Protein backbone atom coordinates (compact mmCIF):
# COMPACT_ATOMS: atom_id res chain seq x y z
CA MET A 1 34.45 47.83 10.37
CA LYS A 2 33.00 44.98 8.34
CA ASN A 3 29.27 44.60 7.82
CA ALA A 4 27.56 41.28 7.15
CA LYS A 5 24.17 39.64 6.99
CA ILE A 6 23.34 36.26 8.48
CA TYR A 7 20.50 34.39 6.85
CA LYS A 8 19.19 30.98 5.93
CA PRO A 9 18.91 30.73 2.13
CA SER A 10 15.61 29.75 0.57
CA LYS A 11 15.34 26.86 -1.80
CA SER A 12 15.94 27.50 -5.45
CA ALA A 13 13.00 27.65 -7.81
CA MET A 14 14.78 25.09 -9.99
CA GLN A 15 14.63 22.34 -7.37
CA SER A 16 11.86 20.57 -5.55
CA GLY A 17 13.89 19.58 -2.48
CA LYS A 18 15.47 21.62 0.27
CA GLY A 19 19.08 21.00 -0.77
CA LYS A 20 21.61 23.55 0.49
CA SER A 21 18.94 25.39 2.49
CA GLU A 22 19.62 23.87 5.91
CA LYS A 23 22.80 25.86 6.63
CA TRP A 24 23.11 29.45 7.80
CA VAL A 25 25.16 31.85 5.68
CA LEU A 26 27.27 34.82 6.74
CA LYS A 27 27.76 37.07 3.73
CA TYR A 28 29.74 40.30 3.81
CA ILE A 29 28.09 43.45 2.50
CA SER A 30 30.10 45.87 0.37
CA LYS A 31 28.85 49.38 -0.20
CA LYS A 32 31.67 50.39 -2.54
CA THR A 33 30.25 49.39 -5.89
CA ASN A 34 30.98 50.87 -9.29
CA TYR A 35 28.58 50.95 -12.21
CA ASN A 36 29.89 50.28 -15.71
CA PRO A 37 27.58 52.25 -18.06
CA LEU A 38 28.82 50.49 -21.19
CA MET A 39 28.03 46.92 -20.13
CA GLY A 40 25.52 47.67 -17.38
CA TRP A 41 27.50 45.65 -14.82
CA GLU A 42 27.96 46.51 -11.20
CA SER A 43 31.43 45.75 -9.88
CA SER A 44 33.53 46.29 -6.77
CA LYS A 45 37.20 46.33 -5.90
CA ASP A 46 36.37 45.04 -2.43
CA THR A 47 36.95 41.27 -2.67
CA ILE A 48 35.55 40.54 0.79
CA SER A 49 32.04 40.85 -0.67
CA GLN A 50 32.65 37.58 -2.54
CA ILE A 51 33.07 35.58 0.68
CA LYS A 52 30.24 33.41 2.02
CA LEU A 53 30.73 31.43 5.23
CA TYR A 54 28.42 28.50 5.97
CA PHE A 55 27.42 27.43 9.49
CA SER A 56 25.23 24.56 10.65
CA THR A 57 23.39 26.67 13.27
CA LYS A 58 22.40 30.29 13.70
CA GLU A 59 24.20 30.48 17.04
CA GLN A 60 27.52 29.47 15.45
CA ALA A 61 27.19 32.23 12.86
CA VAL A 62 26.34 34.85 15.49
CA ASP A 63 29.21 33.71 17.74
CA TYR A 64 31.66 33.93 14.83
CA ALA A 65 30.50 37.46 14.01
CA ASN A 66 30.73 38.60 17.62
CA LYS A 67 34.15 36.99 18.12
CA ASN A 68 35.57 38.71 15.01
CA LYS A 69 33.87 42.07 15.74
CA ILE A 70 31.68 42.01 12.65
CA LYS A 71 28.52 44.11 12.67
CA PHE A 72 25.74 41.92 11.33
CA LYS A 73 22.06 41.94 10.47
CA LEU A 74 20.21 38.72 11.34
CA ILE A 75 17.47 37.79 8.89
CA GLU A 76 15.12 35.12 10.22
CA PRO A 77 13.54 32.72 7.69
CA ASN A 78 9.84 33.01 6.97
CA LYS A 79 7.68 30.20 8.29
CA LYS A 80 5.78 28.18 5.73
CA ARG A 81 2.03 28.12 6.02
CA PHE A 82 0.34 25.06 4.64
CA VAL A 83 -3.26 25.33 3.48
CA ILE A 84 -4.73 21.87 3.34
CA LYS A 85 -7.06 21.63 0.38
CA SER A 86 -9.24 18.88 -0.88
CA TYR A 87 -9.94 18.19 -4.52
CA SER A 88 -13.66 18.13 -3.77
CA ASP A 89 -13.48 21.77 -2.57
CA ASN A 90 -13.18 22.84 -6.21
CA PHE A 91 -16.74 21.67 -6.88
CA LEU A 92 -18.42 22.85 -3.69
CA SER A 93 -19.66 26.40 -3.40
């Protein structure tokens, strides 16, 4: 049976906008990995671990996984907390 995780990717540290972070991703998880001691690389012969499927909503991703009998782990995105600060707060004690 295939295992997957469904998540909403966070924004990259190299960008200031939220590009490519609005879609939900279904990514297969492969547990059969090999370690190459010479190069220090981790590799796998299981090519399904390279597949990422993008969905516009969480429900579409969950429906796809249920329809294709894929066991999945749903990872909810963290909510941002905004702390409103004032420049004058730096000088008040």
